[in-house]
Amino acid sequence: MRTLIKSSLVAFAVITSNISLANSVSPDFLINEIDTVYKQYLHGSPEVATYALESFVRLLESDQSTELLQKTGPSNLSFSYIRLGFLYEKSGLKQKAAKVFSKGVASYKSPYNKGVAVTLSELKSVVNQLDAKSS
C-alpha cells in the first residue's frame, strides 16, 4: 500500500511540474488525487503529507476552470492552503504557514455567495470540522 501511495505521489508530481499538462488534467483524475492527498494529510507522515499538499495546490492553482470547480468544489484550493498551513505550523515553519494561510483567505470562493468575505479563524474552524468528520 505504501508503495502504491508513493508511486501515485510521484506520478502526481510529474504532472504538476508541467503547467500545460496540468491544464489538461480531467476533474475525475483530480477527484482521485484529492482522496489520495487527504488520506496522506490525515494519516500519513507530515513530510509526505506536506509534499502531497504542495503538489496538489500547484495543480489546483494551474487550473481553476468552471468544470474543475463544479467537480471539486469552489473552496478546495482555499481549504488545501489551510491544511498546508497547519502542516507548516506543526513543523515550526511559521512564516511559510502565515503565507499559505493568507493565500487560503484570498482564494476562498463561497459556494453560496461570491461576495462573502471570510476570516482566517473561520476557515481554520471549517477545515478542522471537515477533518474531524473524515478521520
Protein backbone atom coordinates (compact mmCIF):
# COMPACT_ATOMS: atom_id res chain seq x y z
CA MET A 1 0.00 0.00 0.00
CA ARG A 2 2.83 2.38 0.90
CA THR A 3 4.48 1.71 -2.47
CA LEU A 4 1.22 2.43 -4.24
CA ILE A 5 0.86 5.76 -2.45
CA LYS A 6 4.46 6.74 -3.19
CA SER A 7 4.01 5.77 -6.85
CA SER A 8 0.84 7.83 -7.02
CA LEU A 9 2.60 10.83 -5.48
CA VAL A 10 5.49 10.55 -7.95
CA ALA A 11 3.07 10.46 -10.86
CA PHE A 12 1.22 13.38 -9.35
CA ALA A 13 4.45 15.39 -9.01
CA VAL A 14 5.38 14.75 -12.64
CA ILE A 15 2.00 16.05 -13.77
CA THR A 16 2.20 19.17 -11.62
CA SER A 17 5.67 20.04 -12.91
CA ASN A 18 4.30 20.84 -16.34
CA ILE A 19 1.62 23.55 -16.34
CA SER A 20 0.47 22.85 -19.88
CA LEU A 21 -0.03 19.24 -18.96
CA ALA A 22 -1.77 20.22 -15.72
CA ASN A 23 -4.29 22.28 -17.66
CA SER A 24 -5.40 19.14 -19.48
CA VAL A 25 -5.95 17.07 -16.33
CA SER A 26 -9.51 15.87 -16.02
CA PRO A 27 -11.67 16.66 -12.99
CA ASP A 28 -12.15 12.91 -12.44
CA PHE A 29 -8.38 12.49 -12.11
CA LEU A 30 -8.32 15.33 -9.58
CA ILE A 31 -11.08 13.75 -7.53
CA ASN A 32 -8.95 10.61 -7.20
CA GLU A 33 -5.94 12.74 -6.27
CA ILE A 34 -7.96 14.62 -3.66
CA ASP A 35 -8.68 11.31 -1.97
CA THR A 36 -5.01 10.28 -2.01
CA VAL A 37 -3.73 13.66 -0.82
CA TYR A 38 -6.20 13.99 2.05
CA LYS A 39 -5.56 10.43 3.22
CA GLN A 40 -1.90 11.38 3.43
CA TYR A 41 -2.82 14.61 5.24
CA LEU A 42 -4.97 12.81 7.80
CA HIS A 43 -3.00 9.60 8.29
CA GLY A 44 0.41 9.85 6.63
CA SER A 45 3.70 11.23 7.78
CA PRO A 46 3.93 15.03 7.95
CA GLU A 47 6.70 15.08 5.33
CA VAL A 48 4.76 13.06 2.76
CA ALA A 49 1.55 14.96 3.53
CA THR A 50 3.32 18.31 3.07
CA TYR A 51 4.81 17.23 -0.24
CA ALA A 52 1.47 15.89 -1.45
CA LEU A 53 -0.41 19.05 -0.49
CA GLU A 54 2.23 21.34 -2.03
CA SER A 55 1.96 19.43 -5.31
CA PHE A 56 -1.82 19.38 -5.16
CA VAL A 57 -2.02 23.14 -4.50
CA ARG A 58 0.21 23.81 -7.53
CA LEU A 59 -2.09 21.68 -9.65
CA LEU A 60 -5.21 23.44 -8.41
CA GLU A 61 -3.59 26.85 -8.94
CA SER A 62 -2.84 25.95 -12.55
CA ASP A 63 -6.45 25.13 -13.43
CA GLN A 64 -9.41 26.90 -11.88
CA SER A 65 -11.77 26.19 -14.77
CA THR A 66 -15.52 26.14 -14.24
CA GLU A 67 -15.65 22.40 -14.93
CA LEU A 68 -12.98 21.75 -12.31
CA LEU A 69 -14.67 23.96 -9.72
CA GLN A 70 -18.01 22.24 -10.30
CA LYS A 71 -16.48 18.80 -9.71
CA THR A 72 -14.13 19.59 -6.82
CA GLY A 73 -15.95 22.47 -5.15
CA PRO A 74 -15.11 26.16 -5.21
CA SER A 75 -13.37 26.13 -1.81
CA ASN A 76 -11.00 23.23 -2.43
CA LEU A 77 -7.95 25.41 -3.15
CA SER A 78 -8.60 27.55 -0.10
CA PHE A 79 -9.06 24.55 2.19
CA SER A 80 -5.89 22.96 0.76
CA TYR A 81 -3.91 26.10 1.63
CA ILE A 82 -5.27 25.99 5.18
CA ARG A 83 -4.32 22.32 5.58
CA LEU A 84 -0.85 23.06 4.23
CA GLY A 85 -0.57 25.91 6.73
CA PHE A 86 -1.46 23.52 9.56
CA LEU A 87 1.34 21.19 8.44
CA TYR A 88 3.83 24.06 8.24
CA GLU A 89 2.82 25.19 11.74
CA LYS A 90 3.36 21.68 13.11
CA SER A 91 6.81 21.68 11.52
CA GLY A 92 7.67 25.03 13.09
CA LEU A 93 7.64 26.89 9.77
CA LYS A 94 5.62 29.89 10.97
CA GLN A 95 6.46 32.23 8.06
CA LYS A 96 5.52 29.64 5.45
CA ALA A 97 2.33 28.91 7.39
CA ALA A 98 1.39 32.60 7.50
CA LYS A 99 1.98 32.92 3.75
CA VAL A 100 -0.24 29.97 2.80
CA PHE A 101 -2.91 30.93 5.35
CA SER A 102 -3.04 34.33 3.65
CA LYS A 103 -3.40 32.64 0.26
CA GLY A 104 -6.16 30.47 1.71
CA VAL A 105 -8.19 33.50 2.76
CA ALA A 106 -7.52 35.30 -0.55
CA SER A 107 -8.50 32.28 -2.66
CA TYR A 108 -11.71 31.45 -0.77
CA LYS A 109 -14.78 31.23 -3.00
CA SER A 110 -18.11 30.75 -1.31
CA PRO A 111 -20.31 28.13 -2.96
CA TYR A 112 -23.33 30.23 -1.95
CA ASN A 113 -22.36 33.87 -2.39
CA LYS A 114 -19.42 35.08 -4.47
CA GLY A 115 -19.08 38.24 -2.39
CA VAL A 116 -18.73 36.54 1.00
CA ALA A 117 -15.65 37.59 2.94
CA VAL A 118 -14.12 35.11 5.34
CA THR A 119 -11.59 35.33 8.15
CA LEU A 120 -8.66 33.02 8.76
CA SER A 121 -10.15 31.78 12.02
CA GLU A 122 -13.41 30.90 10.24
CA LEU A 123 -11.56 28.94 7.55
CA LYS A 124 -9.44 27.14 10.13
CA SER A 125 -12.57 26.19 12.03
CA VAL A 126 -14.34 24.87 8.92
CA VAL A 127 -11.31 22.81 7.87
CA ASN A 128 -10.92 21.39 11.38
CA GLN A 129 -14.59 20.39 11.40
CA LEU A 130 -14.31 18.74 7.97
CA ASP A 131 -11.17 16.89 9.00
CA ALA A 132 -12.74 15.70 12.27
CA LYS A 133 -15.61 14.17 10.28
CA SER A 134 -13.16 12.47 7.87
CA SER A 135 -10.90 10.85 10.44
